Amino acid sequence: MEALADVVSCAIPLEPALAVLDQFAWDWDGPPLLLAKKDVDAVLRRLAEGELMPQQVQRWAEFLEGRDDLDYDGEVAQLLFLLATPEVNEPISAELAERLLRGSNGTA
């Protein structure tokens, strides 16, 4: 669960953390970890500031979307979908991150 928390918070570089989590089964019996809006906002801020690339944010969202070991509300689910599927929404960019952080829905 610590590795998942590291991915949620992007506390460590994303790719090594995802590699660790890929070793675990998706089925989870324990209580889920909460993915809060503040966690998504932290990733969006890092994207807006140039610390994360759009592809990293997409991979992060794809990895977290639909996991049994995570719990999140509808707003977070909508943000994950937006970030995980830029091909059906809009390209991930610093500008999108800034709009989402300001609270607009980010859709074109």
N, C-alpha and C. Protein backbone atom coordinates (compact mmCIF):
# COMPACT_ATOMS: atom_id res chain seq x y z
N MET A 1 0.83 -1.19 0.00
CA MET A 1 0.00 0.00 0.00
C MET A 1 0.87 1.25 0.00
N GLU A 2 2.07 1.16 0.56
CA GLU A 2 2.97 2.31 0.57
C GLU A 2 3.37 2.70 -0.85
N ALA A 3 3.58 1.71 -1.71
CA ALA A 3 3.94 2.01 -3.11
C ALA A 3 2.80 2.73 -3.81
N LEU A 4 1.56 2.33 -3.53
CA LEU A 4 0.41 2.99 -4.12
C LEU A 4 0.30 4.43 -3.62
N ALA A 5 0.53 4.63 -2.34
CA ALA A 5 0.51 5.99 -1.78
C ALA A 5 1.58 6.86 -2.44
N ASP A 6 2.73 6.28 -2.75
CA ASP A 6 3.79 7.02 -3.44
C ASP A 6 3.35 7.42 -4.85
N VAL A 7 2.63 6.54 -5.53
CA VAL A 7 2.13 6.87 -6.87
C VAL A 7 1.07 7.96 -6.77
N VAL A 8 0.13 7.81 -5.84
CA VAL A 8 -0.94 8.79 -5.68
C VAL A 8 -0.36 10.18 -5.46
N SER A 9 0.64 10.28 -4.61
CA SER A 9 1.20 11.58 -4.27
C SER A 9 2.35 12.01 -5.18
N CYS A 10 2.76 11.12 -6.08
CA CYS A 10 3.95 11.37 -6.91
C CYS A 10 5.13 11.75 -6.03
N ALA A 11 5.25 11.09 -4.88
CA ALA A 11 6.32 11.38 -3.93
C ALA A 11 7.69 10.93 -4.43
N ILE A 12 7.67 9.94 -5.31
CA ILE A 12 8.92 9.45 -5.90
C ILE A 12 8.73 9.48 -7.41
N PRO A 13 9.79 9.34 -8.18
CA PRO A 13 9.62 9.34 -9.64
C PRO A 13 8.58 8.30 -10.08
N LEU A 14 7.74 8.70 -11.00
CA LEU A 14 6.57 7.92 -11.38
C LEU A 14 6.89 6.54 -11.94
N GLU A 15 7.78 6.45 -12.89
CA GLU A 15 8.02 5.17 -13.56
C GLU A 15 8.52 4.07 -12.61
N PRO A 16 9.49 4.36 -11.72
CA PRO A 16 9.90 3.31 -10.78
C PRO A 16 8.76 2.88 -9.84
N ALA A 17 7.94 3.83 -9.41
CA ALA A 17 6.82 3.50 -8.53
C ALA A 17 5.81 2.63 -9.25
N LEU A 18 5.52 2.95 -10.51
CA LEU A 18 4.59 2.13 -11.28
C LEU A 18 5.15 0.73 -11.51
N ALA A 19 6.44 0.63 -11.71
CA ALA A 19 7.07 -0.69 -11.90
C ALA A 19 6.91 -1.54 -10.65
N VAL A 20 7.04 -0.93 -9.48
CA VAL A 20 6.84 -1.67 -8.23
C VAL A 20 5.39 -2.14 -8.13
N LEU A 21 4.45 -1.26 -8.41
CA LEU A 21 3.03 -1.63 -8.30
C LEU A 21 2.60 -2.66 -9.33
N ASP A 22 3.24 -2.68 -10.48
CA ASP A 22 2.91 -3.67 -11.50
C ASP A 22 3.16 -5.10 -11.01
N GLN A 23 3.93 -5.26 -9.96
CA GLN A 23 4.22 -6.58 -9.41
C GLN A 23 3.09 -7.11 -8.53
N PHE A 24 2.15 -6.24 -8.14
CA PHE A 24 1.07 -6.63 -7.25
C PHE A 24 -0.21 -6.88 -8.04
N ALA A 25 -1.05 -7.78 -7.51
CA ALA A 25 -2.35 -8.05 -8.13
C ALA A 25 -3.28 -6.86 -7.97
N TRP A 26 -4.20 -6.72 -8.89
CA TRP A 26 -5.17 -5.62 -8.82
C TRP A 26 -6.23 -5.87 -7.75
N ASP A 27 -6.56 -7.13 -7.50
CA ASP A 27 -7.58 -7.44 -6.50
C ASP A 27 -7.04 -7.12 -5.12
N TRP A 28 -7.78 -6.33 -4.36
CA TRP A 28 -7.33 -5.86 -3.06
C TRP A 28 -8.39 -6.18 -2.03
N ASP A 29 -8.00 -6.82 -0.93
CA ASP A 29 -8.94 -7.19 0.12
C ASP A 29 -9.05 -6.16 1.22
N GLY A 30 -8.04 -5.34 1.41
CA GLY A 30 -8.01 -4.39 2.51
C GLY A 30 -8.79 -3.12 2.22
N PRO A 31 -8.74 -2.20 3.16
CA PRO A 31 -9.43 -0.92 2.94
C PRO A 31 -8.72 -0.13 1.84
N PRO A 32 -9.49 0.56 1.01
CA PRO A 32 -8.87 1.31 -0.08
C PRO A 32 -8.17 2.57 0.41
N LEU A 33 -7.20 2.99 -0.35
CA LEU A 33 -6.51 4.25 -0.11
C LEU A 33 -7.35 5.36 -0.74
N LEU A 34 -7.47 6.48 -0.07
CA LEU A 34 -8.25 7.60 -0.60
C LEU A 34 -7.41 8.43 -1.56
N LEU A 35 -7.91 8.61 -2.76
CA LEU A 35 -7.32 9.53 -3.72
C LEU A 35 -8.18 10.79 -3.66
N ALA A 36 -7.65 11.84 -3.08
CA ALA A 36 -8.40 13.08 -2.87
C ALA A 36 -8.13 14.08 -3.98
N LYS A 37 -9.00 15.05 -4.08
CA LYS A 37 -8.83 16.13 -5.07
C LYS A 37 -7.49 16.82 -4.88
N LYS A 38 -7.05 16.97 -3.63
CA LYS A 38 -5.76 17.63 -3.38
C LYS A 38 -4.60 16.86 -4.01
N ASP A 39 -4.73 15.53 -4.11
CA ASP A 39 -3.69 14.72 -4.76
C ASP A 39 -3.65 15.00 -6.26
N VAL A 40 -4.82 15.08 -6.88
CA VAL A 40 -4.89 15.40 -8.30
C VAL A 40 -4.37 16.82 -8.53
N ASP A 41 -4.78 17.74 -7.67
CA ASP A 41 -4.31 19.13 -7.80
C ASP A 41 -2.79 19.23 -7.70
N ALA A 42 -2.18 18.42 -6.84
CA ALA A 42 -0.72 18.45 -6.70
C ALA A 42 -0.05 18.01 -8.00
N VAL A 43 -0.60 17.01 -8.66
CA VAL A 43 -0.07 16.56 -9.94
C VAL A 43 -0.29 17.63 -11.01
N LEU A 44 -1.47 18.25 -11.00
CA LEU A 44 -1.74 19.32 -11.97
C LEU A 44 -0.80 20.50 -11.78
N ARG A 45 -0.51 20.85 -10.53
CA ARG A 45 0.45 21.94 -10.27
C ARG A 45 1.83 21.60 -10.82
N ARG A 46 2.24 20.37 -10.62
CA ARG A 46 3.56 19.95 -11.13
C ARG A 46 3.59 19.98 -12.65
N LEU A 47 2.47 19.64 -13.29
CA LEU A 47 2.38 19.74 -14.75
C LEU A 47 2.44 21.20 -15.18
N ALA A 48 1.68 22.05 -14.52
CA ALA A 48 1.65 23.48 -14.85
C ALA A 48 3.02 24.12 -14.69
N GLU A 49 3.78 23.65 -13.72
CA GLU A 49 5.11 24.21 -13.45
C GLU A 49 6.22 23.55 -14.27
N GLY A 50 5.88 22.57 -15.08
CA GLY A 50 6.86 21.93 -15.93
C GLY A 50 7.64 20.81 -15.27
N GLU A 51 7.26 20.41 -14.07
CA GLU A 51 7.96 19.31 -13.39
C GLU A 51 7.56 17.95 -13.93
N LEU A 52 6.34 17.84 -14.45
CA LEU A 52 5.86 16.60 -15.05
C LEU A 52 5.50 16.87 -16.50
N MET A 53 5.71 15.88 -17.34
CA MET A 53 5.35 15.96 -18.75
C MET A 53 3.91 15.45 -18.94
N PRO A 54 3.23 15.90 -19.98
CA PRO A 54 1.87 15.42 -20.22
C PRO A 54 1.76 13.89 -20.27
N GLN A 55 2.75 13.23 -20.88
CA GLN A 55 2.71 11.77 -20.97
C GLN A 55 2.79 11.12 -19.59
N GLN A 56 3.54 11.71 -18.68
CA GLN A 56 3.63 11.18 -17.32
C GLN A 56 2.31 11.32 -16.60
N VAL A 57 1.65 12.45 -16.78
CA VAL A 57 0.35 12.67 -16.14
C VAL A 57 -0.69 11.71 -16.70
N GLN A 58 -0.66 11.49 -18.01
CA GLN A 58 -1.59 10.54 -18.61
C GLN A 58 -1.34 9.14 -18.05
N ARG A 59 -0.11 8.73 -17.99
CA ARG A 59 0.22 7.39 -17.45
C ARG A 59 -0.22 7.28 -16.00
N TRP A 60 -0.01 8.33 -15.20
CA TRP A 60 -0.43 8.36 -13.80
C TRP A 60 -1.94 8.15 -13.70
N ALA A 61 -2.69 8.91 -14.49
CA ALA A 61 -4.16 8.81 -14.44
C ALA A 61 -4.65 7.44 -14.94
N GLU A 62 -4.05 6.95 -16.01
CA GLU A 62 -4.42 5.63 -16.54
C GLU A 62 -4.21 4.56 -15.48
N PHE A 63 -3.10 4.66 -14.79
CA PHE A 63 -2.76 3.65 -13.79
C PHE A 63 -3.73 3.67 -12.61
N LEU A 64 -4.17 4.85 -12.20
CA LEU A 64 -5.02 4.96 -11.02
C LEU A 64 -6.50 4.74 -11.30
N GLU A 65 -6.92 5.04 -12.51
CA GLU A 65 -8.33 4.95 -12.85
C GLU A 65 -8.83 3.50 -12.72
N GLY A 66 -9.88 3.31 -11.94
CA GLY A 66 -10.53 2.01 -11.84
C GLY A 66 -9.88 0.99 -10.92
N ARG A 67 -8.89 1.40 -10.14
CA ARG A 67 -8.23 0.44 -9.23
C ARG A 67 -9.14 0.09 -8.05
N ASP A 68 -9.14 -1.20 -7.66
CA ASP A 68 -9.92 -1.67 -6.50
C ASP A 68 -9.35 -1.16 -5.18
N ASP A 69 -8.08 -0.84 -5.17
CA ASP A 69 -7.44 -0.45 -3.91
C ASP A 69 -7.44 1.07 -3.70
N LEU A 70 -8.20 1.78 -4.53
CA LEU A 70 -8.35 3.23 -4.39
C LEU A 70 -9.81 3.60 -4.24
N ASP A 71 -10.05 4.65 -3.49
CA ASP A 71 -11.40 5.19 -3.35
C ASP A 71 -11.31 6.68 -3.69
N TYR A 72 -12.27 7.16 -4.47
CA TYR A 72 -12.32 8.58 -4.81
C TYR A 72 -13.73 8.95 -5.20
N ASP A 73 -14.00 10.27 -5.13
CA ASP A 73 -15.35 10.74 -5.41
C ASP A 73 -15.54 10.99 -6.91
N GLY A 74 -16.73 11.43 -7.26
CA GLY A 74 -17.07 11.64 -8.67
C GLY A 74 -16.23 12.71 -9.35
N GLU A 75 -15.89 13.77 -8.63
CA GLU A 75 -15.07 14.82 -9.22
C GLU A 75 -13.68 14.29 -9.57
N VAL A 76 -13.10 13.51 -8.68
CA VAL A 76 -11.79 12.91 -8.95
C VAL A 76 -11.90 11.91 -10.10
N ALA A 77 -12.96 11.13 -10.14
CA ALA A 77 -13.16 10.19 -11.24
C ALA A 77 -13.22 10.91 -12.57
N GLN A 78 -13.91 12.04 -12.60
CA GLN A 78 -14.02 12.83 -13.83
C GLN A 78 -12.64 13.37 -14.25
N LEU A 79 -11.86 13.84 -13.29
CA LEU A 79 -10.52 14.35 -13.59
C LEU A 79 -9.61 13.23 -14.09
N LEU A 80 -9.68 12.07 -13.46
CA LEU A 80 -8.87 10.94 -13.92
C LEU A 80 -9.22 10.56 -15.35
N PHE A 81 -10.52 10.52 -15.65
CA PHE A 81 -10.95 10.20 -17.01
C PHE A 81 -10.42 11.24 -18.00
N LEU A 82 -10.53 12.49 -17.66
CA LEU A 82 -10.05 13.57 -18.52
C LEU A 82 -8.56 13.43 -18.80
N LEU A 83 -7.79 13.13 -17.75
CA LEU A 83 -6.33 13.03 -17.88
C LEU A 83 -5.88 11.71 -18.50
N ALA A 84 -6.65 10.65 -18.31
CA ALA A 84 -6.27 9.34 -18.84
C ALA A 84 -6.62 9.17 -20.31
N THR A 85 -7.52 10.01 -20.82
CA THR A 85 -7.99 9.84 -22.20
C THR A 85 -7.94 11.15 -22.99
N PRO A 86 -6.76 11.70 -23.17
CA PRO A 86 -6.68 12.96 -23.92
C PRO A 86 -7.13 12.82 -25.38
N GLU A 87 -7.09 11.61 -25.91
CA GLU A 87 -7.49 11.41 -27.29
C GLU A 87 -8.99 11.62 -27.50
N VAL A 88 -9.79 11.48 -26.44
CA VAL A 88 -11.24 11.73 -26.57
C VAL A 88 -11.67 13.01 -25.85
N ASN A 89 -10.79 13.61 -25.10
CA ASN A 89 -11.10 14.85 -24.39
C ASN A 89 -10.33 16.00 -25.03
N GLU A 90 -9.18 16.30 -24.51
CA GLU A 90 -8.30 17.29 -25.12
C GLU A 90 -6.88 16.99 -24.68
N PRO A 91 -5.91 17.45 -25.44
CA PRO A 91 -4.52 17.17 -25.09
C PRO A 91 -4.17 17.69 -23.69
N ILE A 92 -3.35 16.93 -23.00
CA ILE A 92 -2.88 17.35 -21.68
C ILE A 92 -1.79 18.39 -21.88
N SER A 93 -1.92 19.47 -21.14
CA SER A 93 -0.95 20.57 -21.28
C SER A 93 -0.91 21.37 -19.99
N ALA A 94 0.07 22.24 -19.89
CA ALA A 94 0.16 23.14 -18.74
C ALA A 94 -1.08 24.03 -18.70
N GLU A 95 -1.57 24.45 -19.85
CA GLU A 95 -2.76 25.31 -19.89
C GLU A 95 -3.99 24.58 -19.36
N LEU A 96 -4.15 23.32 -19.73
CA LEU A 96 -5.25 22.52 -19.20
C LEU A 96 -5.13 22.40 -17.68
N ALA A 97 -3.93 22.12 -17.21
CA ALA A 97 -3.71 22.00 -15.77
C ALA A 97 -4.11 23.29 -15.05
N GLU A 98 -3.72 24.43 -15.60
CA GLU A 98 -4.06 25.71 -14.98
C GLU A 98 -5.57 25.93 -14.94
N ARG A 99 -6.26 25.58 -16.05
CA ARG A 99 -7.72 25.72 -16.07
C ARG A 99 -8.37 24.82 -15.02
N LEU A 100 -7.89 23.59 -14.92
CA LEU A 100 -8.47 22.66 -13.96
C LEU A 100 -8.21 23.13 -12.53
N LEU A 101 -7.04 23.67 -12.30
CA LEU A 101 -6.73 24.19 -10.97
C LEU A 101 -7.59 25.40 -10.61
N ARG A 102 -7.96 26.20 -11.61
CA ARG A 102 -8.84 27.35 -11.37
C ARG A 102 -10.28 26.91 -11.17
N GLY A 103 -10.59 25.67 -11.55
CA GLY A 103 -11.91 25.15 -11.29
C GLY A 103 -12.82 25.04 -12.49
N SER A 104 -12.37 25.44 -13.69
CA SER A 104 -13.22 25.23 -14.85
C SER A 104 -13.13 23.76 -15.23
N ASN A 105 -14.09 23.30 -16.01
CA ASN A 105 -14.14 21.86 -16.30
C ASN A 105 -13.06 21.38 -17.24
N GLY A 106 -12.37 22.28 -17.94
CA GLY A 106 -11.24 21.87 -18.76
C GLY A 106 -11.60 21.30 -20.10
N THR A 107 -12.88 21.11 -20.39
CA THR A 107 -13.23 20.55 -21.68
C THR A 107 -13.36 21.64 -22.73
N ALA A 108 -13.02 21.29 -23.94
CA ALA A 108 -13.05 22.26 -25.03
C ALA A 108 -14.46 22.49 -25.52
